[in-house]
């Protein structure tokens, strides 16, 4: 082979090598950018999931608190009703006892 042909072939090989290196470098840059985009997206998903969970937990805590307040209110109302009923029963028993005494006093011996 002539030196000119060798020079042309060497130059072509050098250009091919540079293109190959440039292609690899470009692919590495794209891969890095893709990885960064993926990591950023995953962070956004994680943040969104955390916010959603926090809102859900807050809602659940509020619901539980409201249920507890309602249960306490119902229990308090039931206790008041029970005491009122017990008081009415005692009052009725006292009235009947007084009436029995009055009848006993009015009754001939």
PDB file of N, CA and C in Angstrom:
ATOM      1  N   UNK A   1       0.827  -1.180   0.000  1.00  0.00           N
ATOM      2  CA  UNK A   1       0.000   0.000   0.000  1.00  0.00           C
ATOM      3  C   UNK A   1       0.869   1.240   0.000  1.00  0.00           C
ATOM      4  N   UNK A   2       0.320   2.219  -0.621  1.00  0.00           N
ATOM      5  CA  UNK A   2       1.078   3.464  -0.669  1.00  0.00           C
ATOM      6  C   UNK A   2       0.875   4.224   0.627  1.00  0.00           C
ATOM      7  N   UNK A   3       1.792   5.091   0.881  1.00  0.00           N
ATOM      8  CA  UNK A   3       1.703   5.899   2.092  1.00  0.00           C
ATOM      9  C   UNK A   3       0.483   6.794   2.080  1.00  0.00           C
ATOM     10  N   UNK A   4       0.081   7.242   0.945  1.00  0.00           N
ATOM     11  CA  UNK A   4      -1.110   8.092   0.851  1.00  0.00           C
ATOM     12  C   UNK A   4      -2.337   7.285   1.254  1.00  0.00           C
ATOM     13  N   UNK A   5      -2.442   6.068   0.769  1.00  0.00           N
ATOM     14  CA  UNK A   5      -3.573   5.200   1.102  1.00  0.00           C
ATOM     15  C   UNK A   5      -3.565   4.901   2.592  1.00  0.00           C
ATOM     16  N   UNK A   6      -2.375   4.629   3.122  1.00  0.00           N
ATOM     17  CA  UNK A   6      -2.269   4.367   4.559  1.00  0.00           C
ATOM     18  C   UNK A   6      -2.695   5.582   5.366  1.00  0.00           C
ATOM     19  N   UNK A   7      -2.283   6.752   4.901  1.00  0.00           N
ATOM     20  CA  UNK A   7      -2.652   7.986   5.602  1.00  0.00           C
ATOM     21  C   UNK A   7      -4.171   8.189   5.584  1.00  0.00           C
ATOM     22  N   UNK A   8      -4.774   7.944   4.418  1.00  0.00           N
ATOM     23  CA  UNK A   8      -6.228   8.098   4.290  1.00  0.00           C
ATOM     24  C   UNK A   8      -6.928   7.089   5.203  1.00  0.00           C
ATOM     25  N   UNK A   9      -6.460   5.837   5.189  1.00  0.00           N
ATOM     26  CA  UNK A   9      -7.070   4.806   6.030  1.00  0.00           C
ATOM     27  C   UNK A   9      -6.878   5.114   7.518  1.00  0.00           C
ATOM     28  N   UNK A  10      -5.689   5.568   7.872  1.00  0.00           N
ATOM     29  CA  UNK A  10      -5.431   5.947   9.264  1.00  0.00           C
ATOM     30  C   UNK A  10      -6.320   7.119   9.689  1.00  0.00           C
ATOM     31  N   UNK A  11      -6.449   8.075   8.785  1.00  0.00           N
ATOM     32  CA  UNK A  11      -7.298   9.242   9.084  1.00  0.00           C
ATOM     33  C   UNK A  11      -8.750   8.801   9.239  1.00  0.00           C
ATOM     34  N   UNK A  12      -9.201   7.896   8.347  1.00  0.00           N
ATOM     35  CA  UNK A  12     -10.569   7.386   8.428  1.00  0.00           C
ATOM     36  C   UNK A  12     -10.754   6.625   9.735  1.00  0.00           C
ATOM     37  N   UNK A  13      -9.783   5.826  10.125  1.00  0.00           N
ATOM     38  CA  UNK A  13      -9.864   5.075  11.382  1.00  0.00           C
ATOM     39  C   UNK A  13      -9.912   6.035  12.571  1.00  0.00           C
ATOM     40  N   UNK A  14      -9.121   7.081  12.502  1.00  0.00           N
ATOM     41  CA  UNK A  14      -9.112   8.086  13.579  1.00  0.00           C
ATOM     42  C   UNK A  14     -10.469   8.788  13.680  1.00  0.00           C
ATOM     43  N   UNK A  15     -11.049   9.156  12.532  1.00  0.00           N
ATOM     44  CA  UNK A  15     -12.373   9.803  12.508  1.00  0.00           C
ATOM     45  C   UNK A  15     -13.428   8.843  13.064  1.00  0.00           C
ATOM     46  N   UNK A  16     -13.379   7.574  12.642  1.00  0.00           N
ATOM     47  CA  UNK A  16     -14.326   6.575  13.157  1.00  0.00           C
ATOM     48  C   UNK A  16     -14.182   6.421  14.674  1.00  0.00           C
ATOM     49  N   UNK A  17     -12.939   6.422  15.143  1.00  0.00           N
ATOM     50  CA  UNK A  17     -12.691   6.293  16.577  1.00  0.00           C
ATOM     51  C   UNK A  17     -13.266   7.501  17.321  1.00  0.00           C
ATOM     52  N   UNK A  18     -13.047   8.694  16.780  1.00  0.00           N
ATOM     53  CA  UNK A  18     -13.571   9.913  17.407  1.00  0.00           C
ATOM     54  C   UNK A  18     -15.104   9.905  17.426  1.00  0.00           C
ATOM     55  N   UNK A  19     -15.701   9.444  16.315  1.00  0.00           N
ATOM     56  CA  UNK A  19     -17.167   9.355  16.259  1.00  0.00           C
ATOM     57  C   UNK A  19     -17.677   8.360  17.308  1.00  0.00           C
ATOM     58  N   UNK A  20     -16.960   7.243  17.392  1.00  0.00           N
ATOM     59  CA  UNK A  20     -17.350   6.215  18.361  1.00  0.00           C
ATOM     60  C   UNK A  20     -17.268   6.780  19.789  1.00  0.00           C
ATOM     61  N   UNK A  21     -16.172   7.466  20.110  1.00  0.00           N
ATOM     62  CA  UNK A  21     -16.004   8.078  21.435  1.00  0.00           C
ATOM     63  C   UNK A  21     -17.092   9.127  21.661  1.00  0.00           C
ATOM     64  N   UNK A  22     -17.380   9.936  20.649  1.00  0.00           N
ATOM     65  CA  UNK A  22     -18.420  10.965  20.769  1.00  0.00           C
ATOM     66  C   UNK A  22     -19.783  10.318  20.998  1.00  0.00           C
ATOM     67  N   UNK A  23     -20.044   9.229  20.291  1.00  0.00           N
ATOM     68  CA  UNK A  23     -21.321   8.518  20.465  1.00  0.00           C
ATOM     69  C   UNK A  23     -21.429   7.967  21.882  1.00  0.00           C
ATOM     70  N   UNK A  24     -20.357   7.362  22.366  1.00  0.00           N
ATOM     71  CA  UNK A  24     -20.363   6.820  23.730  1.00  0.00           C
ATOM     72  C   UNK A  24     -20.558   7.946  24.742  1.00  0.00           C
ATOM     73  N   UNK A  25     -19.839   9.049  24.564  1.00  0.00           N
ATOM     74  CA  UNK A  25     -19.971  10.196  25.465  1.00  0.00           C
ATOM     75  C   UNK A  25     -21.391  10.737  25.440  1.00  0.00           C
ATOM     76  N   UNK A  26     -21.961  10.847  24.248  1.00  0.00           N
ATOM     77  CA  UNK A  26     -23.338  11.341  24.112  1.00  0.00           C
ATOM     78  C   UNK A  26     -24.318  10.398  24.812  1.00  0.00           C
ATOM     79  N   UNK A  27     -24.130   9.102  24.617  1.00  0.00           N
ATOM     80  CA  UNK A  27     -25.005   8.123  25.278  1.00  0.00           C
ATOM     81  C   UNK A  27     -24.867   8.195  26.801  1.00  0.00           C
ATOM     82  N   UNK A  28     -23.637   8.396  27.268  1.00  0.00           N
ATOM     83  CA  UNK A  28     -23.424   8.515  28.712  1.00  0.00           C
ATOM     84  C   UNK A  28     -24.125   9.763  29.263  1.00  0.00           C
ATOM     85  N   UNK A  29     -24.043  10.863  28.517  1.00  0.00           N
ATOM     86  CA  UNK A  29     -24.729  12.094  28.940  1.00  0.00           C
ATOM     87  C   UNK A  29     -26.239  11.884  28.982  1.00  0.00           C
ATOM     88  N   UNK A  30     -26.761  11.231  27.946  1.00  0.00           N
ATOM     89  CA  UNK A  30     -28.204  10.969  27.907  1.00  0.00           C
ATOM     90  C   UNK A  30     -28.621  10.043  29.048  1.00  0.00           C
ATOM     91  N   UNK A  31     -27.800   9.033  29.316  1.00  0.00           N
ATOM     92  CA  UNK A  31     -28.106   8.106  30.410  1.00  0.00           C
ATOM     93  C   UNK A  31     -28.103   8.850  31.748  1.00  0.00           C
ATOM     94  N   UNK A  32     -27.102   9.703  31.953  1.00  0.00           N
ATOM     95  CA  UNK A  32     -27.008  10.485  33.182  1.00  0.00           C
ATOM     96  C   UNK A  32     -28.217  11.409  33.324  1.00  0.00           C
ATOM     97  N   UNK A  33     -28.573  12.087  32.236  1.00  0.00           N
ATOM     98  CA  UNK A  33     -29.737  12.981  32.255  1.00  0.00           C
ATOM     99  C   UNK A  33     -31.015  12.184  32.532  1.00  0.00           C
ATOM    100  N   UNK A  34     -31.137  11.032  31.902  1.00  0.00           N
ATOM    101  CA  UNK A  34     -32.305  10.174  32.140  1.00  0.00           C
ATOM    102  C   UNK A  34     -32.379   9.716  33.588  1.00  0.00           C
ATOM    103  N   UNK A  35     -31.239   9.357  34.146  1.00  0.00           N
ATOM    104  CA  UNK A  35     -31.191   8.925  35.546  1.00  0.00           C
ATOM    105  C   UNK A  35     -31.591  10.077  36.468  1.00  0.00           C
ATOM    106  N   UNK A  36     -31.090  11.294  36.173  1.00  0.00           N
ATOM    107  CA  UNK A  36     -31.442  12.463  36.986  1.00  0.00           C
ATOM    108  C   UNK A  36     -32.939  12.759  36.898  1.00  0.00           C
ATOM    109  N   UNK A  37     -33.484  12.658  35.695  1.00  0.00           N
ATOM    110  CA  UNK A  37     -34.927  12.881  35.519  1.00  0.00           C
ATOM    111  C   UNK A  37     -35.704  11.822  36.297  1.00  0.00           C
ATOM    112  N   UNK A  38     -35.265  10.578  36.196  1.00  0.00           N
ATOM    113  CA  UNK A  38     -35.935   9.486  36.914  1.00  0.00           C
ATOM    114  C   UNK A  38     -35.870   9.714  38.427  1.00  0.00           C
ATOM    115  N   UNK A  39     -34.692  10.068  38.934  1.00  0.00           N
ATOM    116  CA  UNK A  39     -34.541  10.306  40.371  1.00  0.00           C
ATOM    117  C   UNK A  39     -35.412  11.473  40.818  1.00  0.00           C
ATOM    118  N   UNK A  40     -35.448  12.524  40.002  1.00  0.00           N
ATOM    119  CA  UNK A  40     -36.289  13.680  40.319  1.00  0.00           C
ATOM    120  C   UNK A  40     -37.758  13.276  40.351  1.00  0.00           C
ATOM    121  N   UNK A  41     -38.167  12.498  39.364  1.00  0.00           N
ATOM    122  CA  UNK A  41     -39.560  12.039  39.308  1.00  0.00           C
ATOM    123  C   UNK A  41     -39.881  11.157  40.516  1.00  0.00           C
ATOM    124  N   UNK A  42     -38.967  10.261  40.855  1.00  0.00           N
ATOM    125  CA  UNK A  42     -39.201   9.379  42.001  1.00  0.00           C
ATOM    126  C   UNK A  42     -39.298  10.192  43.293  1.00  0.00           C
ATOM    127  N   UNK A  43     -38.508  11.264  43.397  1.00  0.00           N
ATOM    128  CA  UNK A  43     -38.583  12.129  44.580  1.00  0.00           C
ATOM    129  C   UNK A  43     -39.942  12.824  44.630  1.00  0.00           C
ATOM    130  N   UNK A  44     -40.420  13.285  43.473  1.00  0.00           N
ATOM    131  CA  UNK A  44     -41.744  13.915  43.414  1.00  0.00           C
ATOM    132  C   UNK A  44     -42.828  12.917  43.812  1.00  0.00           C
ATOM    133  N   UNK A  45     -42.727  11.698  43.313  1.00  0.00           N
ATOM    134  CA  UNK A  45     -43.704  10.656  43.660  1.00  0.00           C
ATOM    135  C   UNK A  45     -43.659  10.386  45.163  1.00  0.00           C
ATOM    136  N   UNK A  46     -42.456  10.296  45.703  1.00  0.00           N
ATOM    137  CA  UNK A  46     -42.294  10.048  47.136  1.00  0.00           C
ATOM    138  C   UNK A  46     -42.895  11.192  47.951  1.00  0.00           C
ATOM    139  N   UNK A  47     -42.612  12.425  47.544  1.00  0.00           N
ATOM    140  CA  UNK A  47     -43.164  13.592  48.247  1.00  0.00           C
ATOM    141  C   UNK A  47     -44.682  13.590  48.181  1.00  0.00           C
ATOM    142  N   UNK A  48     -45.209  13.297  46.997  1.00  0.00           N
ATOM    143  CA  UNK A  48     -46.666  13.272  46.830  1.00  0.00           C
ATOM    144  C   UNK A  48     -47.279  12.182  47.709  1.00  0.00           C
ATOM    145  N   UNK A  49     -46.649  11.019  47.731  1.00  0.00           N
ATOM    146  CA  UNK A  49     -47.155   9.917  48.559  1.00  0.00           C
ATOM    147  C   UNK A  49     -47.121  10.306  50.033  1.00  0.00           C
ATOM    148  N   UNK A  50     -46.039  10.965  50.443  1.00  0.00           N
ATOM    149  CA  UNK A  50     -45.923  11.393  51.838  1.00  0.00           C
ATOM    150  C   UNK A  50     -47.015  12.410  52.178  1.00  0.00           C
ATOM    151  N   UNK A  51     -47.231  13.384  51.286  1.00  0.00           N
ATOM    152  CA  UNK A  51     -48.274  14.388  51.515  1.00  0.00           C
ATOM    153  C   UNK A  51     -49.653  13.736  51.571  1.00  0.00           C
ATOM    154  N   UNK A  52     -49.900  12.802  50.670  1.00  0.00           N
ATOM    155  CA  UNK A  52     -51.195  12.112  50.645  1.00  0.00           C
ATOM    156  C   UNK A  52     -51.390  11.320  51.929  1.00  0.00           C
ATOM    157  N   UNK A  53     -50.353  10.604  52.349  1.00  0.00           N
ATOM    158  CA  UNK A  53     -50.439   9.826  53.580  1.00  0.00           C
ATOM    159  C   UNK A  53     -50.669  10.741  54.777  1.00  0.00           C
ATOM    160  N   UNK A  54     -49.967  11.864  54.806  1.00  0.00           N
ATOM    161  CA  UNK A  54     -50.145  12.816  55.904  1.00  0.00           C
ATOM    162  C   UNK A  54     -51.572  13.337  55.933  1.00  0.00           C
ATOM    163  N   UNK A  55     -52.110  13.689  54.750  1.00  0.00           N
ATOM    164  CA  UNK A  55     -53.501  14.168  54.696  1.00  0.00           C
ATOM    165  C   UNK A  55     -54.457  13.070  55.140  1.00  0.00           C
ATOM    166  N   UNK A  56     -54.195  11.837  54.708  1.00  0.00           N
ATOM    167  CA  UNK A  56     -55.042  10.712  55.098  1.00  0.00           C
ATOM    168  C   UNK A  56     -54.988  10.505  56.611  1.00  0.00           C
ATOM    169  N   UNK A  57     -53.755  10.504  57.166  1.00  0.00           N
ATOM    170  CA  UNK A  57     -53.616  10.313  58.613  1.00  0.00           C
ATOM    171  C   UNK A  57     -54.300  11.436  59.373  1.00  0.00           C
ATOM    172  N   UNK A  58     -54.155  12.670  58.883  1.00  0.00           N
ATOM    173  CA  UNK A  58     -54.818  13.805  59.523  1.00  0.00           C
ATOM    174  C   UNK A  58     -56.328  13.620  59.472  1.00  0.00           C
ATOM    175  N   UNK A  59     -56.834  13.203  58.333  1.00  0.00           N
ATOM    176  CA  UNK A  59     -58.267  12.954  58.186  1.00  0.00           C
ATOM    177  C   UNK A  59     -58.732  11.831  59.094  1.00  0.00           C
ATOM    178  N   UNK A  60     -57.926  10.764  59.176  1.00  0.00           N
ATOM    179  CA  UNK A  60     -58.272   9.641  60.051  1.00  0.00           C
ATOM    180  C   UNK A  60     -58.269  10.084  61.512  1.00  0.00           C
ATOM    181  N   UNK A  61     -57.263  10.866  61.889  1.00  0.00           N
ATOM    182  CA  UNK A  61     -57.200  11.346  63.272  1.00  0.00           C
ATOM    183  C   UNK A  61     -58.401  12.230  63.587  1.00  0.00           C
ATOM    184  N   UNK A  62     -58.769  13.086  62.646  1.00  0.00           N
ATOM    185  CA  UNK A  62     -59.936  13.949  62.837  1.00  0.00           C
ATOM    186  C   UNK A  62     -61.199  13.102  62.960  1.00  0.00           C
ATOM    187  N   UNK A  63     -61.339  12.111  62.090  1.00  0.00           N
ATOM    188  CA  UNK A  63     -62.516  11.236  62.132  1.00  0.00           C
ATOM    189  C   UNK A  63     -62.580  10.498  63.464  1.00  0.00           C
ATOM    190  N   UNK A  64     -61.445   9.954  63.904  1.00  0.00           N
ATOM    191  CA  UNK A  64     -61.412   9.242  65.190  1.00  0.00           C
ATOM    192  C   UNK A  64     -61.756  10.180  66.343  1.00  0.00           C
ATOM    193  N   UNK A  65     -61.216  11.393  66.290  1.00  0.00           N
ATOM    194  CA  UNK A  65     -61.500  12.377  67.334  1.00  0.00           C
ATOM    195  C   UNK A  65     -62.990  12.701  67.370  1.00  0.00           C
ATOM    196  N   UNK A  66     -63.581  12.883  66.196  1.00  0.00           N
ATOM    197  CA  UNK A  66     -65.014  13.169  66.133  1.00  0.00           C
ATOM    198  C   UNK A  66     -65.825  11.983  66.648  1.00  0.00           C
ATOM    199  N   UNK A  67     -65.413  10.765  66.296  1.00  0.00           N
ATOM    200  CA  UNK A  67     -66.112   9.575  66.792  1.00  0.00           C
ATOM    201  C   UNK A  67     -66.017   9.496  68.311  1.00  0.00           C
ATOM    202  N   UNK A  68     -64.832   9.789  68.852  1.00  0.00           N
ATOM    203  CA  UNK A  68     -64.644   9.751  70.298  1.00  0.00           C
ATOM    204  C   UNK A  68     -65.523  10.802  70.975  1.00  0.00           C
ATOM    205  N   UNK A  69     -65.548  12.016  70.412  1.00  0.00           N
ATOM    206  CA  UNK A  69     -66.396  13.070  70.974  1.00  0.00           C
ATOM    207  C   UNK A  69     -67.862  12.666  70.922  1.00  0.00           C
ATOM    208  N   UNK A  70     -68.286  12.079  69.823  1.00  0.00           N
ATOM    209  CA  UNK A  70     -69.679  11.644  69.680  1.00  0.00           C
ATOM    210  C   UNK A  70     -69.995  10.543  70.691  1.00  0.00           C
ATOM    211  N   UNK A  71     -69.067   9.605  70.856  1.00  0.00           N
ATOM    212  CA  UNK A  71     -69.274   8.519  71.816  1.00  0.00           C
ATOM    213  C   UNK A  71     -69.366   9.080  73.237  1.00  0.00           C
ATOM    214  N   UNK A  72     -68.460  10.025  73.575  1.00  0.00           N
ATOM    215  CA  UNK A  72     -68.503  10.641  74.905  1.00  0.00           C
ATOM    216  C   UNK A  72     -69.814  11.395  75.105  1.00  0.00           C
ATOM    217  N   UNK A  73     -70.251  12.121  74.079  1.00  0.00           N
ATOM    218  CA  UNK A  73     -71.500  12.867  74.166  1.00  0.00           C
ATOM    219  C   UNK A  73     -72.668  11.910  74.380  1.00  0.00           C
ATOM    220  N   UNK A  74     -72.680  10.817  73.628  1.00  0.00           N
ATOM    221  CA  UNK A  74     -73.745   9.818  73.774  1.00  0.00           C
ATOM    222  C   UNK A  74     -73.720   9.199  75.167  1.00  0.00           C
ATOM    223  N   UNK A  75     -72.506   8.880  75.645  1.00  0.00           N
ATOM    224  CA  UNK A  75     -72.384   8.300  76.985  1.00  0.00           C
ATOM    225  C   UNK A  75     -72.854   9.292  78.040  1.00  0.00           C
ATOM    226  N   UNK A  76     -72.488  10.563  77.878  1.00  0.00           N
ATOM    227  CA  UNK A  76     -72.909  11.597  78.823  1.00  0.00           C
ATOM    228  C   UNK A  76     -74.424  11.736  78.804  1.00  0.00           C
ATOM    229  N   UNK A  77     -75.002  11.770  77.613  1.00  0.00           N
ATOM    230  CA  UNK A  77     -76.461  11.857  77.508  1.00  0.00           C
ATOM    231  C   UNK A  77     -77.120  10.647  78.157  1.00  0.00           C
ATOM    232  N   UNK A  78     -76.545   9.464  77.956  1.00  0.00           N
ATOM    233  CA  UNK A  78     -77.097   8.243  78.551  1.00  0.00           C
ATOM    234  C   UNK A  78     -77.000   8.301  80.074  1.00  0.00           C
ATOM    235  N   UNK A  79     -75.861   8.805  80.588  1.00  0.00           N
ATOM    236  CA  UNK A  79     -75.700   8.935  82.037  1.00  0.00           C
ATOM    237  C   UNK A  79     -76.714   9.926  82.606  1.00  0.00           C
ATOM    238  N   UNK A  80     -76.906  11.046  81.937  1.00  0.00           N
ATOM    239  CA  UNK A  80     -77.880  12.048  82.391  1.00  0.00           C
ATOM    240  C   UNK A  80     -79.275  11.436  82.391  1.00  0.00           C
ATOM    241  N   UNK A  81     -79.614  10.747  81.315  1.00  0.00           N
ATOM    242  CA  UNK A  81     -80.936  10.111  81.230  1.00  0.00           C
ATOM    243  C   UNK A  81     -81.103   9.074  82.340  1.00  0.00           C
ATOM    244  N   UNK A  82     -80.053   8.294  82.592  1.00  0.00           N
ATOM    245  CA  UNK A  82     -80.108   7.270  83.643  1.00  0.00           C
ATOM    246  C   UNK A  82     -80.321   7.921  85.006  1.00  0.00           C
ATOM    247  N   UNK A  83     -79.551   8.988  85.293  1.00  0.00           N
ATOM    248  CA  UNK A  83     -79.699   9.677  86.579  1.00  0.00           C
ATOM    249  C   UNK A  83     -81.085  10.302  86.697  1.00  0.00           C
ATOM    250  N   UNK A  84     -81.572  10.887  85.611  1.00  0.00           N
ATOM    251  CA  UNK A  84     -82.910  11.485  85.619  1.00  0.00           C
ATOM    252  C   UNK A  84     -83.954  10.413  85.916  1.00  0.00           C
ATOM    253  N   UNK A  85     -83.811   9.265  85.243  1.00  0.00           N
ATOM    254  CA  UNK A  85     -84.758   8.162  85.447  1.00  0.00           C
ATOM    255  C   UNK A  85     -84.666   7.641  86.879  1.00  0.00           C
ATOM    256  N   UNK A  86     -83.430   7.455  87.371  1.00  0.00           N
ATOM    257  CA  UNK A  86     -83.253   6.990  88.751  1.00  0.00           C
ATOM    258  C   UNK A  86     -83.863   7.984  89.732  1.00  0.00           C
ATOM    259  N   UNK A  87     -83.658   9.274  89.481  1.00  0.00           N
ATOM    260  CA  UNK A  87     -84.229  10.321  90.342  1.00  0.00           C
ATOM    261  C   UNK A  87     -85.748  10.279  90.310  1.00  0.00           C
ATOM    262  N   UNK A  88     -86.307  10.097  89.131  1.00  0.00           N
ATOM    263  CA  UNK A  88     -87.766  10.033  89.001  1.00  0.00           C
ATOM    264  C   UNK A  88     -88.306   8.809  89.726  1.00  0.00           C
ATOM    265  N   UNK A  89     -87.596   7.687  89.615  1.00  0.00           N
ATOM    266  CA  UNK A  89     -88.026   6.462  90.304  1.00  0.00           C
ATOM    267  C   UNK A  89     -87.962   6.676  91.814  1.00  0.00           C
ATOM    268  N   UNK A  90     -86.871   7.269  92.305  1.00  0.00           N
ATOM    269  CA  UNK A  90     -86.749   7.541  93.742  1.00  0.00           C
ATOM    270  C   UNK A  90     -87.842   8.496  94.210  1.00  0.00           C
ATOM    271  N   UNK A  91     -88.088   9.531  93.401  1.00  0.00           N
ATOM    272  CA  UNK A  91     -89.128  10.503  93.758  1.00  0.00           C
ATOM    273  C   UNK A  91     -90.485   9.803  93.820  1.00  0.00           C
ATOM    274  N   UNK A  92     -90.770   8.974  92.836  1.00  0.00           N
ATOM    275  CA  UNK A  92     -92.044   8.248  92.813  1.00  0.00           C
ATOM    276  C   UNK A  92     -92.140   7.322  94.018  1.00  0.00           C
ATOM    277  N   UNK A  93     -91.033   6.650  94.359  1.00  0.00           N
ATOM    278  CA  UNK A  93     -91.028   5.757  95.526  1.00  0.00           C
ATOM    279  C   UNK A  93     -91.267   6.554  96.800  1.00  0.00           C
ATOM    280  N   UNK A  94     -90.660   7.735  96.898  1.00  0.00           N
ATOM    281  CA  UNK A  94     -90.850   8.585  98.078  1.00  0.00           C
ATOM    282  C   UNK A  94     -92.298   9.048  98.170  1.00  0.00           C
ATOM    283  N   UNK A  95     -92.878   9.447  97.039  1.00  0.00           N
ATOM    284  CA  UNK A  95     -94.277   9.886  97.016  1.00  0.00           C
ATOM    285  C   UNK A  95     -95.173   8.737  97.458  1.00  0.00           C
ATOM    286  N   UNK A  96     -94.895   7.545  96.947  1.00  0.00           N
ATOM    287  CA  UNK A  96     -95.704   6.384  97.334  1.00  0.00           C
ATOM    288  C   UNK A  96     -95.525   6.065  98.819  1.00  0.00           C
ATOM    289  N   UNK A  97     -94.306   6.202  99.335  1.00  0.00           N
ATOM    290  CA  UNK A  97     -94.058   5.944 100.759  1.00  0.00           C
ATOM    291  C   UNK A  97     -94.818   6.945 101.622  1.00  0.00           C
ATOM    292  N   UNK A  98     -94.800   8.219 101.215  1.00  0.00           N
ATOM    293  CA  UNK A  98     -95.535   9.249 101.957  1.00  0.00           C
ATOM    294  C   UNK A  98     -97.024   8.952 101.891  1.00  0.00           C
ATOM    295  N   UNK A  99     -97.524   8.559 100.745  1.00  0.00           N
ATOM    296  CA  UNK A  99     -98.948   8.240 100.598  1.00  0.00           C
ATOM    297  C   UNK A  99     -99.301   7.038 101.464  1.00  0.00           C
ATOM    298  N   UNK A 100     -98.409   6.036 101.491  1.00  0.00           N
ATOM    299  CA  UNK A 100     -98.655   4.863 102.334  1.00  0.00           C
ATOM    300  C   UNK A 100     -98.708   5.263 103.807  1.00  0.00           C
ATOM    301  N   UNK A 101     -97.810   6.141 104.234  1.00  0.00           N
ATOM    302  CA  UNK A 101     -97.804   6.617 105.622  1.00  0.00           C
ATOM    303  C   UNK A 101     -99.078   7.385 105.934  1.00  0.00           C
ATOM    304  N   UNK A 102     -99.471   8.229 104.977  1.00  0.00           N
ATOM    305  CA  UNK A 102    -100.693   9.016 105.196  1.00  0.00           C
ATOM    306  C   UNK A 102    -101.892   8.087 105.320  1.00  0.00           C
ATOM    307  N   UNK A 103    -101.945   7.082 104.472  1.00  0.00           N
ATOM    308  CA  UNK A 103    -103.053   6.124 104.561  1.00  0.00           C
ATOM    309  C   UNK A 103    -102.989   5.363 105.883  1.00  0.00           C
ATOM    310  N   UNK A 104    -101.758   5.026 106.299  1.00  0.00           N
ATOM    311  CA  UNK A 104    -101.598   4.293 107.554  1.00  0.00           C
ATOM    312  C   UNK A 104    -102.045   5.149 108.736  1.00  0.00           C
ATOM    313  N   UNK A 105    -101.753   6.457 108.665  1.00  0.00           N
ATOM    314  CA  UNK A 105    -102.160   7.351 109.750  1.00  0.00           C
ATOM    315  C   UNK A 105    -103.673   7.545 109.762  1.00  0.00           C
ATOM    316  N   UNK A 106    -104.280   7.555 108.596  1.00  0.00           N
ATOM    317  CA  UNK A 106    -105.727   7.737 108.498  1.00  0.00           C
ATOM    318  C   UNK A 106    -106.477   6.450 108.818  1.00  0.00           C
ATOM    319  N   UNK A 107    -105.817   5.347 108.732  1.00  0.00           N
ATOM    320  CA  UNK A 107    -106.490   4.059 108.944  1.00  0.00           C
ATOM    321  C   UNK A 107    -106.808   3.880 110.437  1.00  0.00           C
ATOM    322  N   UNK A 108    -107.993   3.314 110.722  1.00  0.00           N
ATOM    323  CA  UNK A 108    -108.331   3.078 112.139  1.00  0.00           C
ATOM    324  C   UNK A 108    -107.448   1.972 112.731  1.00  0.00           C
ATOM    325  N   UNK A 109    -107.147   2.088 113.988  1.00  0.00           N
ATOM    326  CA  UNK A 109    -106.307   1.109 114.660  1.00  0.00           C
ATOM    327  C   UNK A 109    -107.096  -0.030 115.118  1.00  0.00           C
TER     328      UNK A 109
END
